[in-house]
Amino acid sequence: MDSLQVEGIDKELAKFESIGGILGLAVVDDNGLTILSRLPRAIEERKFGAMAATILGAMETAIIPFGEDLINLTIEFEESQLIIMSSENKIILVVLMELEIDLGFMLLEIEEILRNIKNILRG
């Protein structure tokens, strides 16, 4: 990945972050390696990315008997929630956000960001 692609992804994340209610986010590959992140200092980005890819991979394996594709994962904590969504090119966007945020709106925004990242990587 070249510096222009990284810069383009960073701009997309900054745009997304401006929505409000976002506590942190990361773009990782399917191996859990962090490509770019905007996470609070208390969160170790390597572990965060690895955790997201592992959870996503485990769920993809678990749903094989259903014959369906996994669209996204939403994990709710006491005071926040996490959305993990991947694209066809195996890029994973992980978003940590406030609990009260409009989930439907956020899912639409995440899909758009993933499309934009896919276009950036396509060059």
PDB file of N, CA and C in Angstrom:
ATOM      1  N   MET A   1       0.853  -1.165   0.000  1.00  0.00           N
ATOM      2  CA  MET A   1       0.000   0.000   0.000  1.00  0.00           C
ATOM      3  C   MET A   1       0.908   1.239   0.000  1.00  0.00           C
ATOM      4  N   ASP A   2       0.657   2.147  -0.931  1.00  0.00           N
ATOM      5  CA  ASP A   2       1.515   3.327  -1.016  1.00  0.00           C
ATOM      6  C   ASP A   2       0.990   4.459  -0.136  1.00  0.00           C
ATOM      7  N   SER A   3       1.786   5.507  -0.022  1.00  0.00           N
ATOM      8  CA  SER A   3       1.453   6.609   0.887  1.00  0.00           C
ATOM      9  C   SER A   3       0.202   7.372   0.451  1.00  0.00           C
ATOM     10  N   LEU A   4      -0.074   7.436  -0.854  1.00  0.00           N
ATOM     11  CA  LEU A   4      -1.294   8.103  -1.327  1.00  0.00           C
ATOM     12  C   LEU A   4      -2.539   7.331  -0.914  1.00  0.00           C
ATOM     13  N   GLN A   5      -2.457   6.013  -0.949  1.00  0.00           N
ATOM     14  CA  GLN A   5      -3.587   5.196  -0.515  1.00  0.00           C
ATOM     15  C   GLN A   5      -3.832   5.362   0.984  1.00  0.00           C
ATOM     16  N   VAL A   6      -2.755   5.337   1.757  1.00  0.00           N
ATOM     17  CA  VAL A   6      -2.877   5.517   3.208  1.00  0.00           C
ATOM     18  C   VAL A   6      -3.473   6.892   3.510  1.00  0.00           C
ATOM     19  N   GLU A   7      -3.016   7.910   2.797  1.00  0.00           N
ATOM     20  CA  GLU A   7      -3.543   9.268   2.984  1.00  0.00           C
ATOM     21  C   GLU A   7      -5.030   9.340   2.630  1.00  0.00           C
ATOM     22  N   GLY A   8      -5.417   8.677   1.544  1.00  0.00           N
ATOM     23  CA  GLY A   8      -6.811   8.657   1.136  1.00  0.00           C
ATOM     24  C   GLY A   8      -7.697   7.966   2.163  1.00  0.00           C
ATOM     25  N   ILE A   9      -7.221   6.843   2.702  1.00  0.00           N
ATOM     26  CA  ILE A   9      -7.974   6.122   3.734  1.00  0.00           C
ATOM     27  C   ILE A   9      -8.073   6.974   4.986  1.00  0.00           C
ATOM     28  N   ASP A  10      -6.991   7.643   5.344  1.00  0.00           N
ATOM     29  CA  ASP A  10      -6.994   8.500   6.533  1.00  0.00           C
ATOM     30  C   ASP A  10      -8.032   9.621   6.391  1.00  0.00           C
ATOM     31  N   LYS A  11      -8.142  10.192   5.202  1.00  0.00           N
ATOM     32  CA  LYS A  11      -9.145  11.239   4.956  1.00  0.00           C
ATOM     33  C   LYS A  11     -10.565  10.690   5.097  1.00  0.00           C
ATOM     34  N   GLU A  12     -10.778   9.479   4.601  1.00  0.00           N
ATOM     35  CA  GLU A  12     -12.100   8.850   4.733  1.00  0.00           C
ATOM     36  C   GLU A  12     -12.443   8.635   6.212  1.00  0.00           C
ATOM     37  N   LEU A  13     -11.474   8.180   6.985  1.00  0.00           N
ATOM     38  CA  LEU A  13     -11.708   7.952   8.413  1.00  0.00           C
ATOM     39  C   LEU A  13     -11.993   9.269   9.133  1.00  0.00           C
ATOM     40  N   ALA A  14     -11.289  10.317   8.763  1.00  0.00           N
ATOM     41  CA  ALA A  14     -11.503  11.628   9.385  1.00  0.00           C
ATOM     42  C   ALA A  14     -12.914  12.128   9.082  1.00  0.00           C
ATOM     43  N   LYS A  15     -13.350  11.945   7.835  1.00  0.00           N
ATOM     44  CA  LYS A  15     -14.707  12.331   7.444  1.00  0.00           C
ATOM     45  C   LYS A  15     -15.739  11.565   8.269  1.00  0.00           C
ATOM     46  N   PHE A  16     -15.517  10.277   8.391  1.00  0.00           N
ATOM     47  CA  PHE A  16     -16.425   9.404   9.121  1.00  0.00           C
ATOM     48  C   PHE A  16     -16.464   9.776  10.601  1.00  0.00           C
ATOM     49  N   GLU A  17     -15.312  10.050  11.144  1.00  0.00           N
ATOM     50  CA  GLU A  17     -15.202  10.400  12.559  1.00  0.00           C
ATOM     51  C   GLU A  17     -15.958  11.689  12.887  1.00  0.00           C
ATOM     52  N   SER A  18     -16.100  12.553  11.909  1.00  0.00           N
ATOM     53  CA  SER A  18     -16.756  13.835  12.137  1.00  0.00           C
ATOM     54  C   SER A  18     -18.266  13.693  12.353  1.00  0.00           C
ATOM     55  N   ILE A  19     -18.814  12.519  12.087  1.00  0.00           N
ATOM     56  CA  ILE A  19     -20.249  12.276  12.279  1.00  0.00           C
ATOM     57  C   ILE A  19     -20.625  12.482  13.743  1.00  0.00           C
ATOM     58  N   GLY A  20     -19.757  12.108  14.639  1.00  0.00           N
ATOM     59  CA  GLY A  20     -20.042  12.208  16.071  1.00  0.00           C
ATOM     60  C   GLY A  20     -20.480  10.861  16.620  1.00  0.00           C
ATOM     61  N   GLY A  21     -20.145  10.627  17.867  1.00  0.00           N
ATOM     62  CA  GLY A  21     -20.496   9.367  18.502  1.00  0.00           C
ATOM     63  C   GLY A  21     -19.489   8.258  18.275  1.00  0.00           C
ATOM     64  N   ILE A  22     -18.468   8.540  17.457  1.00  0.00           N
ATOM     65  CA  ILE A  22     -17.431   7.553  17.181  1.00  0.00           C
ATOM     66  C   ILE A  22     -16.363   7.674  18.271  1.00  0.00           C
ATOM     67  N   LEU A  23     -16.073   6.557  18.930  1.00  0.00           N
ATOM     68  CA  LEU A  23     -15.062   6.551  19.983  1.00  0.00           C
ATOM     69  C   LEU A  23     -13.694   6.107  19.461  1.00  0.00           C
ATOM     70  N   GLY A  24     -13.701   5.375  18.379  1.00  0.00           N
ATOM     71  CA  GLY A  24     -12.464   4.911  17.779  1.00  0.00           C
ATOM     72  C   GLY A  24     -12.776   4.035  16.587  1.00  0.00           C
ATOM     73  N   LEU A  25     -11.818   3.896  15.682  1.00  0.00           N
ATOM     74  CA  LEU A  25     -12.030   3.033  14.538  1.00  0.00           C
ATOM     75  C   LEU A  25     -10.699   2.569  13.987  1.00  0.00           C
ATOM     76  N   ALA A  26     -10.770   1.476  13.249  1.00  0.00           N
ATOM     77  CA  ALA A  26      -9.560   0.915  12.664  1.00  0.00           C
ATOM     78  C   ALA A  26      -9.900   0.223  11.351  1.00  0.00           C
ATOM     79  N   VAL A  27      -8.957   0.258  10.436  1.00  0.00           N
ATOM     80  CA  VAL A  27      -9.034  -0.500   9.197  1.00  0.00           C
ATOM     81  C   VAL A  27      -7.952  -1.570   9.316  1.00  0.00           C
ATOM     82  N   VAL A  28      -8.367  -2.825   9.194  1.00  0.00           N
ATOM     83  CA  VAL A  28      -7.427  -3.935   9.329  1.00  0.00           C
ATOM     84  C   VAL A  28      -7.597  -4.884   8.148  1.00  0.00           C
ATOM     85  N   ASP A  29      -6.593  -5.717   7.906  1.00  0.00           N
ATOM     86  CA  ASP A  29      -6.741  -6.735   6.866  1.00  0.00           C
ATOM     87  C   ASP A  29      -7.303  -8.006   7.492  1.00  0.00           C
ATOM     88  N   ASP A  30      -7.570  -8.997   6.667  1.00  0.00           N
ATOM     89  CA  ASP A  30      -8.208 -10.213   7.172  1.00  0.00           C
ATOM     90  C   ASP A  30      -7.306 -11.033   8.093  1.00  0.00           C
ATOM     91  N   ASN A  31      -6.025 -10.689   8.157  1.00  0.00           N
ATOM     92  CA  ASN A  31      -5.111 -11.335   9.102  1.00  0.00           C
ATOM     93  C   ASN A  31      -5.049 -10.593  10.436  1.00  0.00           C
ATOM     94  N   GLY A  32      -5.769  -9.483  10.522  1.00  0.00           N
ATOM     95  CA  GLY A  32      -5.790  -8.717  11.761  1.00  0.00           C
ATOM     96  C   GLY A  32      -4.708  -7.665  11.865  1.00  0.00           C
ATOM     97  N   LEU A  33      -3.958  -7.458  10.797  1.00  0.00           N
ATOM     98  CA  LEU A  33      -2.911  -6.435  10.811  1.00  0.00           C
ATOM     99  C   LEU A  33      -3.536  -5.070  10.570  1.00  0.00           C
ATOM    100  N   THR A  34      -3.222  -4.138  11.432  1.00  0.00           N
ATOM    101  CA  THR A  34      -3.803  -2.810  11.341  1.00  0.00           C
ATOM    102  C   THR A  34      -3.194  -2.036  10.180  1.00  0.00           C
ATOM    103  N   ILE A  35      -4.050  -1.530   9.315  1.00  0.00           N
ATOM    104  CA  ILE A  35      -3.613  -0.694   8.205  1.00  0.00           C
ATOM    105  C   ILE A  35      -3.570   0.757   8.667  1.00  0.00           C
ATOM    106  N   LEU A  36      -4.627   1.165   9.365  1.00  0.00           N
ATOM    107  CA  LEU A  36      -4.730   2.531   9.872  1.00  0.00           C
ATOM    108  C   LEU A  36      -5.725   2.536  11.013  1.00  0.00           C
ATOM    109  N   SER A  37      -5.454   3.330  12.030  1.00  0.00           N
ATOM    110  CA  SER A  37      -6.420   3.387  13.132  1.00  0.00           C
ATOM    111  C   SER A  37      -6.503   4.786  13.708  1.00  0.00           C
ATOM    112  N   ARG A  38      -7.622   5.021  14.335  1.00  0.00           N
ATOM    113  CA  ARG A  38      -7.891   6.241  15.096  1.00  0.00           C
ATOM    114  C   ARG A  38      -8.564   5.775  16.372  1.00  0.00           C
ATOM    115  N   LEU A  39      -7.747   5.259  17.263  1.00  0.00           N
ATOM    116  CA  LEU A  39      -8.238   4.657  18.498  1.00  0.00           C
ATOM    117  C   LEU A  39      -7.798   5.464  19.708  1.00  0.00           C
ATOM    118  N   PRO A  40      -8.573   5.388  20.789  1.00  0.00           N
ATOM    119  CA  PRO A  40      -8.133   6.039  22.031  1.00  0.00           C
ATOM    120  C   PRO A  40      -6.812   5.421  22.494  1.00  0.00           C
ATOM    121  N   ARG A  41      -6.030   6.192  23.219  1.00  0.00           N
ATOM    122  CA  ARG A  41      -4.722   5.725  23.685  1.00  0.00           C
ATOM    123  C   ARG A  41      -4.790   4.445  24.504  1.00  0.00           C
ATOM    124  N   ALA A  42      -5.884   4.258  25.225  1.00  0.00           N
ATOM    125  CA  ALA A  42      -6.015   3.101  26.105  1.00  0.00           C
ATOM    126  C   ALA A  42      -6.180   1.787  25.339  1.00  0.00           C
ATOM    127  N   ILE A  43      -6.475   1.868  24.047  1.00  0.00           N
ATOM    128  CA  ILE A  43      -6.691   0.659  23.242  1.00  0.00           C
ATOM    129  C   ILE A  43      -5.449   0.383  22.406  1.00  0.00           C
ATOM    130  N   GLU A  44      -4.901  -0.808  22.568  1.00  0.00           N
ATOM    131  CA  GLU A  44      -3.717  -1.205  21.807  1.00  0.00           C
ATOM    132  C   GLU A  44      -4.160  -1.646  20.408  1.00  0.00           C
ATOM    133  N   GLU A  45      -3.734  -0.913  19.393  1.00  0.00           N
ATOM    134  CA  GLU A  45      -4.250  -1.128  18.048  1.00  0.00           C
ATOM    135  C   GLU A  45      -3.952  -2.518  17.494  1.00  0.00           C
ATOM    136  N   ARG A  46      -2.803  -3.087  17.811  1.00  0.00           N
ATOM    137  CA  ARG A  46      -2.484  -4.434  17.299  1.00  0.00           C
ATOM    138  C   ARG A  46      -3.454  -5.475  17.839  1.00  0.00           C
ATOM    139  N   LYS A  47      -3.745  -5.393  19.128  1.00  0.00           N
ATOM    140  CA  LYS A  47      -4.676  -6.346  19.742  1.00  0.00           C
ATOM    141  C   LYS A  47      -6.096  -6.105  19.244  1.00  0.00           C
ATOM    142  N   PHE A  48      -6.460  -4.850  19.084  1.00  0.00           N
ATOM    143  CA  PHE A  48      -7.796  -4.481  18.613  1.00  0.00           C
ATOM    144  C   PHE A  48      -8.040  -5.055  17.220  1.00  0.00           C
ATOM    145  N   GLY A  49      -7.090  -4.866  16.318  1.00  0.00           N
ATOM    146  CA  GLY A  49      -7.214  -5.385  14.958  1.00  0.00           C
ATOM    147  C   GLY A  49      -7.244  -6.897  14.913  1.00  0.00           C
ATOM    148  N   ALA A  50      -6.374  -7.525  15.692  1.00  0.00           N
ATOM    149  CA  ALA A  50      -6.341  -8.988  15.735  1.00  0.00           C
ATOM    150  C   ALA A  50      -7.641  -9.547  16.294  1.00  0.00           C
ATOM    151  N   MET A  51      -8.162  -8.897  17.333  1.00  0.00           N
ATOM    152  CA  MET A  51      -9.416  -9.329  17.947  1.00  0.00           C
ATOM    153  C   MET A  51     -10.562  -9.245  16.936  1.00  0.00           C
ATOM    154  N   ALA A  52     -10.636  -8.161  16.218  1.00  0.00           N
ATOM    155  CA  ALA A  52     -11.719  -7.969  15.250  1.00  0.00           C
ATOM    156  C   ALA A  52     -11.668  -9.024  14.146  1.00  0.00           C
ATOM    157  N   ALA A  53     -10.490  -9.254  13.588  1.00  0.00           N
ATOM    158  CA  ALA A  53     -10.343 -10.248  12.516  1.00  0.00           C
ATOM    159  C   ALA A  53     -10.639 -11.653  13.025  1.00  0.00           C
ATOM    160  N   THR A  54     -10.233 -11.954  14.242  1.00  0.00           N
ATOM    161  CA  THR A  54     -10.481 -13.274  14.827  1.00  0.00           C
ATOM    162  C   THR A  54     -11.970 -13.506  15.052  1.00  0.00           C
ATOM    163  N   ILE A  55     -12.644 -12.502  15.622  1.00  0.00           N
ATOM    164  CA  ILE A  55     -14.091 -12.615  15.851  1.00  0.00           C
ATOM    165  C   ILE A  55     -14.827 -12.786  14.524  1.00  0.00           C
ATOM    166  N   LEU A  56     -14.470 -11.979  13.542  1.00  0.00           N
ATOM    167  CA  LEU A  56     -15.125 -12.045  12.236  1.00  0.00           C
ATOM    168  C   LEU A  56     -14.895 -13.421  11.600  1.00  0.00           C
ATOM    169  N   GLY A  57     -13.663 -13.903  11.634  1.00  0.00           N
ATOM    170  CA  GLY A  57     -13.344 -15.217  11.064  1.00  0.00           C
ATOM    171  C   GLY A  57     -14.086 -16.339  11.765  1.00  0.00           C
ATOM    172  N   ALA A  58     -14.174 -16.266  13.085  1.00  0.00           N
ATOM    173  CA  ALA A  58     -14.890 -17.299  13.839  1.00  0.00           C
ATOM    174  C   ALA A  58     -16.377 -17.317  13.472  1.00  0.00           C
ATOM    175  N   MET A  59     -16.971 -16.143  13.343  1.00  0.00           N
ATOM    176  CA  MET A  59     -18.387 -16.084  12.987  1.00  0.00           C
ATOM    177  C   MET A  59     -18.624 -16.560  11.561  1.00  0.00           C
ATOM    178  N   GLU A  60     -17.720 -16.229  10.641  1.00  0.00           N
ATOM    179  CA  GLU A  60     -17.868 -16.706   9.264  1.00  0.00           C
ATOM    180  C   GLU A  60     -17.830 -18.233   9.225  1.00  0.00           C
ATOM    181  N   THR A  61     -16.981 -18.827  10.034  1.00  0.00           N
ATOM    182  CA  THR A  61     -16.906 -20.282  10.122  1.00  0.00           C
ATOM    183  C   THR A  61     -18.172 -20.850  10.769  1.00  0.00           C
ATOM    184  N   ALA A  62     -18.640 -20.201  11.807  1.00  0.00           N
ATOM    185  CA  ALA A  62     -19.812 -20.688  12.552  1.00  0.00           C
ATOM    186  C   ALA A  62     -21.087 -20.671  11.721  1.00  0.00           C
ATOM    187  N   ILE A  63     -21.201 -19.757  10.766  1.00  0.00           N
ATOM    188  CA  ILE A  63     -22.451 -19.659   9.999  1.00  0.00           C
ATOM    189  C   ILE A  63     -22.436 -20.470   8.700  1.00  0.00           C
ATOM    190  N   ILE A  64     -21.378 -21.193   8.428  1.00  0.00           N
ATOM    191  CA  ILE A  64     -21.311 -22.014   7.212  1.00  0.00           C
ATOM    192  C   ILE A  64     -22.541 -22.918   7.063  1.00  0.00           C
ATOM    193  N   PRO A  65     -23.001 -23.587   8.133  1.00  0.00           N
ATOM    194  CA  PRO A  65     -24.188 -24.448   7.976  1.00  0.00           C
ATOM    195  C   PRO A  65     -25.443 -23.700   7.517  1.00  0.00           C
ATOM    196  N   PHE A  66     -25.512 -22.398   7.734  1.00  0.00           N
ATOM    197  CA  PHE A  66     -26.676 -21.623   7.326  1.00  0.00           C
ATOM    198  C   PHE A  66     -26.663 -21.279   5.844  1.00  0.00           C
ATOM    199  N   GLY A  67     -25.513 -21.418   5.197  1.00  0.00           N
ATOM    200  CA  GLY A  67     -25.401 -21.103   3.782  1.00  0.00           C
ATOM    201  C   GLY A  67     -25.591 -19.630   3.469  1.00  0.00           C
ATOM    202  N   GLU A  68     -25.277 -18.781   4.411  1.00  0.00           N
ATOM    203  CA  GLU A  68     -25.446 -17.332   4.254  1.00  0.00           C
ATOM    204  C   GLU A  68     -24.094 -16.649   4.377  1.00  0.00           C
ATOM    205  N   ASP A  69     -24.024 -15.442   3.838  1.00  0.00           N
ATOM    206  CA  ASP A  69     -22.825 -14.627   4.004  1.00  0.00           C
ATOM    207  C   ASP A  69     -23.011 -13.698   5.190  1.00  0.00           C
ATOM    208  N   LEU A  70     -21.941 -13.467   5.915  1.00  0.00           N
ATOM    209  CA  LEU A  70     -21.967 -12.556   7.049  1.00  0.00           C
ATOM    210  C   LEU A  70     -21.885 -11.122   6.533  1.00  0.00           C
ATOM    211  N   ILE A  71     -22.803 -10.265   6.972  1.00  0.00           N
ATOM    212  CA  ILE A  71     -22.818  -8.870   6.547  1.00  0.00           C
ATOM    213  C   ILE A  71     -22.013  -8.014   7.520  1.00  0.00           C
ATOM    214  N   ASN A  72     -22.338  -8.128   8.808  1.00  0.00           N
ATOM    215  CA  ASN A  72     -21.607  -7.384   9.830  1.00  0.00           C
ATOM    216  C   ASN A  72     -21.852  -8.020  11.180  1.00  0.00           C
ATOM    217  N   LEU A  73     -21.034  -7.636  12.124  1.00  0.00           N
ATOM    218  CA  LEU A  73     -21.202  -8.058  13.510  1.00  0.00           C
ATOM    219  C   LEU A  73     -21.378  -6.819  14.360  1.00  0.00           C
ATOM    220  N   THR A  74     -22.314  -6.879  15.276  1.00  0.00           N
ATOM    221  CA  THR A  74     -22.497  -5.788  16.224  1.00  0.00           C
ATOM    222  C   THR A  74     -22.376  -6.383  17.616  1.00  0.00           C
ATOM    223  N   ILE A  75     -21.504  -5.798  18.407  1.00  0.00           N
ATOM    224  CA  ILE A  75     -21.285  -6.264  19.779  1.00  0.00           C
ATOM    225  C   ILE A  75     -21.616  -5.107  20.704  1.00  0.00           C
ATOM    226  N   GLU A  76     -22.507  -5.351  21.640  1.00  0.00           N
ATOM    227  CA  GLU A  76     -22.929  -4.295  22.555  1.00  0.00           C
ATOM    228  C   GLU A  76     -22.285  -4.507  23.919  1.00  0.00           C
ATOM    229  N   PHE A  77     -21.660  -3.459  24.419  1.00  0.00           N
ATOM    230  CA  PHE A  77     -21.070  -3.453  25.757  1.00  0.00           C
ATOM    231  C   PHE A  77     -21.975  -2.627  26.666  1.00  0.00           C
ATOM    232  N   GLU A  78     -21.589  -2.481  27.909  1.00  0.00           N
ATOM    233  CA  GLU A  78     -22.403  -1.703  28.843  1.00  0.00           C
ATOM    234  C   GLU A  78     -22.529  -0.246  28.421  1.00  0.00           C
ATOM    235  N   GLU A  79     -21.437   0.351  27.920  1.00  0.00           N
ATOM    236  CA  GLU A  79     -21.451   1.773  27.620  1.00  0.00           C
ATOM    237  C   GLU A  79     -21.089   2.123  26.178  1.00  0.00           C
ATOM    238  N   SER A  80     -20.854   1.124  25.359  1.00  0.00           N
ATOM    239  CA  SER A  80     -20.496   1.378  23.967  1.00  0.00           C
ATOM    240  C   SER A  80     -20.870   0.159  23.129  1.00  0.00           C
ATOM    241  N   GLN A  81     -20.645   0.275  21.838  1.00  0.00           N
ATOM    242  CA  GLN A  81     -20.873  -0.864  20.947  1.00  0.00           C
ATOM    243  C   GLN A  81     -19.812  -0.882  19.860  1.00  0.00           C
ATOM    244  N   LEU A  82     -19.667  -2.045  19.263  1.00  0.00           N
ATOM    245  CA  LEU A  82     -18.637  -2.280  18.265  1.00  0.00           C
ATOM    246  C   LEU A  82     -19.292  -2.858  17.024  1.00  0.00           C
ATOM    247  N   ILE A  83     -18.952  -2.326  15.875  1.00  0.00           N
ATOM    248  CA  ILE A  83     -19.405  -2.900  14.606  1.00  0.00           C
ATOM    249  C   ILE A  83     -18.162  -3.352  13.854  1.00  0.00           C
ATOM    250  N   ILE A  84     -18.234  -4.571  13.346  1.00  0.00           N
ATOM    251  CA  ILE A  84     -17.157  -5.132  12.531  1.00  0.00           C
ATOM    252  C   ILE A  84     -17.780  -5.484  11.184  1.00  0.00           C
ATOM    253  N   MET A  85     -17.232  -4.903  10.114  1.00  0.00           N
ATOM    254  CA  MET A  85     -17.772  -5.161   8.774  1.00  0.00           C
ATOM    255  C   MET A  85     -16.611  -5.299   7.801  1.00  0.00           C
ATOM    256  N   SER A  86     -16.701  -6.272   6.911  1.00  0.00           N
ATOM    257  CA  SER A  86     -15.638  -6.447   5.923  1.00  0.00           C
ATOM    258  C   SER A  86     -16.180  -6.248   4.523  1.00  0.00           C
ATOM    259  N   SER A  87     -15.252  -6.028   3.598  1.00  0.00           N
ATOM    260  CA  SER A  87     -15.621  -5.869   2.198  1.00  0.00           C
ATOM    261  C   SER A  87     -15.095  -7.068   1.418  1.00  0.00           C
ATOM    262  N   GLU A  88     -15.443  -7.123   0.148  1.00  0.00           N
ATOM    263  CA  GLU A  88     -15.020  -8.258  -0.686  1.00  0.00           C
ATOM    264  C   GLU A  88     -13.500  -8.374  -0.782  1.00  0.00           C
ATOM    265  N   ASN A  89     -12.809  -7.257  -0.658  1.00  0.00           N
ATOM    266  CA  ASN A  89     -11.350  -7.288  -0.783  1.00  0.00           C
ATOM    267  C   ASN A  89     -10.657  -7.562   0.549  1.00  0.00           C
ATOM    268  N   LYS A  90     -11.406  -8.087   1.506  1.00  0.00           N
ATOM    269  CA  LYS A  90     -10.880  -8.539   2.796  1.00  0.00           C
ATOM    270  C   LYS A  90     -10.360  -7.413   3.681  1.00  0.00           C
ATOM    271  N   ILE A  91     -10.842  -6.210   3.442  1.00  0.00           N
ATOM    272  CA  ILE A  91     -10.544  -5.093   4.333  1.00  0.00           C
ATOM    273  C   ILE A  91     -11.660  -5.048   5.376  1.00  0.00           C
ATOM    274  N   ILE A  92     -11.278  -4.914   6.633  1.00  0.00           N
ATOM    275  CA  ILE A  92     -12.234  -4.905   7.727  1.00  0.00           C
ATOM    276  C   ILE A  92     -12.236  -3.523   8.366  1.00  0.00           C
ATOM    277  N   LEU A  93     -13.431  -2.971   8.545  1.00  0.00           N
ATOM    278  CA  LEU A  93     -13.584  -1.706   9.251  1.00  0.00           C
ATOM    279  C   LEU A  93     -14.201  -2.028  10.605  1.00  0.00           C
ATOM    280  N   VAL A  94     -13.538  -1.570  11.657  1.00  0.00           N
ATOM    281  CA  VAL A  94     -13.992  -1.813  13.021  1.00  0.00           C
ATOM    282  C   VAL A  94     -14.279  -0.460  13.654  1.00  0.00           C
ATOM    283  N   VAL A  95     -15.510  -0.291  14.141  1.00  0.00           N
ATOM    284  CA  VAL A  95     -15.929   0.995  14.681  1.00  0.00           C
ATOM    285  C   VAL A  95     -16.422   0.809  16.113  1.00  0.00           C
ATOM    286  N   LEU A  96     -15.792   1.528  17.023  1.00  0.00           N
ATOM    287  CA  LEU A  96     -16.231   1.572  18.416  1.00  0.00           C
ATOM    288  C   LEU A  96     -16.994   2.872  18.576  1.00  0.00           C
ATOM    289  N   MET A  97     -18.247   2.775  19.061  1.00  0.00           N
ATOM    290  CA  MET A  97     -19.074   3.973  19.118  1.00  0.00           C
ATOM    291  C   MET A  97     -19.954   3.982  20.360  1.00  0.00           C
ATOM    292  N   GLU A  98     -20.530   5.145  20.583  1.00  0.00           N
ATOM    293  CA  GLU A  98     -21.423   5.307  21.720  1.00  0.00           C
ATOM    294  C   GLU A  98     -22.618   4.372  21.583  1.00  0.00           C
ATOM    295  N   LEU A  99     -23.159   3.972  22.696  1.00  0.00           N
ATOM    296  CA  LEU A  99     -24.273   3.027  22.717  1.00  0.00           C
ATOM    297  C   LEU A  99     -25.545   3.611  22.122  1.00  0.00           C
ATOM    298  N   GLU A 100     -25.776   4.905  22.317  1.00  0.00           N
ATOM    299  CA  GLU A 100     -27.033   5.529  21.900  1.00  0.00           C
ATOM    300  C   GLU A 100     -27.072   5.930  20.429  1.00  0.00           C
ATOM    301  N   ILE A 101     -26.028   5.686  19.691  1.00  0.00           N
ATOM    302  CA  ILE A 101     -25.946   6.116  18.300  1.00  0.00           C
ATOM    303  C   ILE A 101     -26.979   5.372  17.439  1.00  0.00           C
ATOM    304  N   ASP A 102     -27.447   6.006  16.382  1.00  0.00           N
ATOM    305  CA  ASP A 102     -28.414   5.407  15.455  1.00  0.00           C
ATOM    306  C   ASP A 102     -27.705   4.326  14.640  1.00  0.00           C
ATOM    307  N   LEU A 103     -27.977   3.075  14.975  1.00  0.00           N
ATOM    308  CA  LEU A 103     -27.271   1.951  14.376  1.00  0.00           C
ATOM    309  C   LEU A 103     -27.532   1.828  12.874  1.00  0.00           C
ATOM    310  N   GLY A 104     -28.777   2.026  12.444  1.00  0.00           N
ATOM    311  CA  GLY A 104     -29.097   1.930  11.021  1.00  0.00           C
ATOM    312  C   GLY A 104     -28.328   2.947  10.188  1.00  0.00           C
ATOM    313  N   PHE A 105     -28.305   4.177  10.655  1.00  0.00           N
ATOM    314  CA  PHE A 105     -27.556   5.230   9.976  1.00  0.00           C
ATOM    315  C   PHE A 105     -26.073   4.884   9.928  1.00  0.00           C
ATOM    316  N   MET A 106     -25.561   4.397  11.056  1.00  0.00           N
ATOM    317  CA  MET A 106     -24.134   4.085  11.131  1.00  0.00           C
ATOM    318  C   MET A 106     -23.755   2.942  10.190  1.00  0.00           C
ATOM    319  N   LEU A 107     -24.615   1.940  10.066  1.00  0.00           N
ATOM    320  CA  LEU A 107     -24.333   0.831   9.148  1.00  0.00           C
ATOM    321  C   LEU A 107     -24.264   1.322   7.707  1.00  0.00           C
ATOM    322  N   LEU A 108     -25.159   2.232   7.330  1.00  0.00           N
ATOM    323  CA  LEU A 108     -25.112   2.807   5.981  1.00  0.00           C
ATOM    324  C   LEU A 108     -23.816   3.578   5.751  1.00  0.00           C
ATOM    325  N   GLU A 109     -23.400   4.339   6.756  1.00  0.00           N
ATOM    326  CA  GLU A 109     -22.157   5.106   6.651  1.00  0.00           C
ATOM    327  C   GLU A 109     -20.945   4.183   6.536  1.00  0.00           C
ATOM    328  N   ILE A 110     -20.943   3.110   7.301  1.00  0.00           N
ATOM    329  CA  ILE A 110     -19.826   2.153   7.268  1.00  0.00           C
ATOM    330  C   ILE A 110     -19.735   1.502   5.891  1.00  0.00           C
ATOM    331  N   GLU A 111     -20.881   1.126   5.318  1.00  0.00           N
ATOM    332  CA  GLU A 111     -20.880   0.548   3.970  1.00  0.00           C
ATOM    333  C   GLU A 111     -20.287   1.520   2.958  1.00  0.00           C
ATOM    334  N   GLU A 112     -20.645   2.791   3.072  1.00  0.00           N
ATOM    335  CA  GLU A 112     -20.112   3.801   2.157  1.00  0.00           C
ATOM    336  C   GLU A 112     -18.601   3.971   2.331  1.00  0.00           C
ATOM    337  N   ILE A 113     -18.153   4.024   3.574  1.00  0.00           N
ATOM    338  CA  ILE A 113     -16.705   4.160   3.834  1.00  0.00           C
ATOM    339  C   ILE A 113     -15.948   2.967   3.252  1.00  0.00           C
ATOM    340  N   LEU A 114     -16.476   1.759   3.439  1.00  0.00           N
ATOM    341  CA  LEU A 114     -15.810   0.572   2.878  1.00  0.00           C
ATOM    342  C   LEU A 114     -15.745   0.628   1.356  1.00  0.00           C
ATOM    343  N   ARG A 115     -16.823   1.107   0.713  1.00  0.00           N
ATOM    344  CA  ARG A 115     -16.799   1.273  -0.754  1.00  0.00           C
ATOM    345  C   ARG A 115     -15.720   2.274  -1.166  1.00  0.00           C
ATOM    346  N   ASN A 116     -15.637   3.384  -0.434  1.00  0.00           N
ATOM    347  CA  ASN A 116     -14.627   4.407  -0.750  1.00  0.00           C
ATOM    348  C   ASN A 116     -13.216   3.868  -0.554  1.00  0.00           C
ATOM    349  N   ILE A 117     -13.001   3.103   0.514  1.00  0.00           N
ATOM    350  CA  ILE A 117     -11.681   2.511   0.758  1.00  0.00           C
ATOM    351  C   ILE A 117     -11.335   1.525  -0.346  1.00  0.00           C
ATOM    352  N   LYS A 118     -12.308   0.730  -0.768  1.00  0.00           N
ATOM    353  CA  LYS A 118     -12.094  -0.226  -1.868  1.00  0.00           C
ATOM    354  C   LYS A 118     -11.652   0.523  -3.124  1.00  0.00           C
ATOM    355  N   ASN A 119     -12.312   1.649  -3.421  1.00  0.00           N
ATOM    356  CA  ASN A 119     -11.934   2.446  -4.591  1.00  0.00           C
ATOM    357  C   ASN A 119     -10.538   3.036  -4.456  1.00  0.00           C
ATOM    358  N   ILE A 120     -10.185   3.465  -3.268  1.00  0.00           N
ATOM    359  CA  ILE A 120      -8.846   4.017  -3.028  1.00  0.00           C
ATOM    360  C   ILE A 120      -7.791   2.938  -3.262  1.00  0.00           C
ATOM    361  N   LEU A 121      -8.038   1.744  -2.768  1.00  0.00           N
ATOM    362  CA  LEU A 121      -7.071   0.654  -2.908  1.00  0.00           C
ATOM    363  C   LEU A 121      -6.975   0.145  -4.337  1.00  0.00           C
ATOM    364  N   ARG A 122      -8.074   0.290  -5.057  1.00  0.00           N
ATOM    365  CA  ARG A 122      -8.081  -0.127  -6.470  1.00  0.00           C
ATOM    366  C   ARG A 122      -7.187   0.786  -7.297  1.00  0.00           C
ATOM    367  N   GLY A 123      -7.080   2.044  -6.838  1.00  0.00           N
ATOM    368  CA  GLY A 123      -6.201   3.006  -7.488  1.00  0.00           C
ATOM    369  C   GLY A 123      -6.809   3.586  -8.672  1.00  0.00           C
TER     370      GLY A 123
END
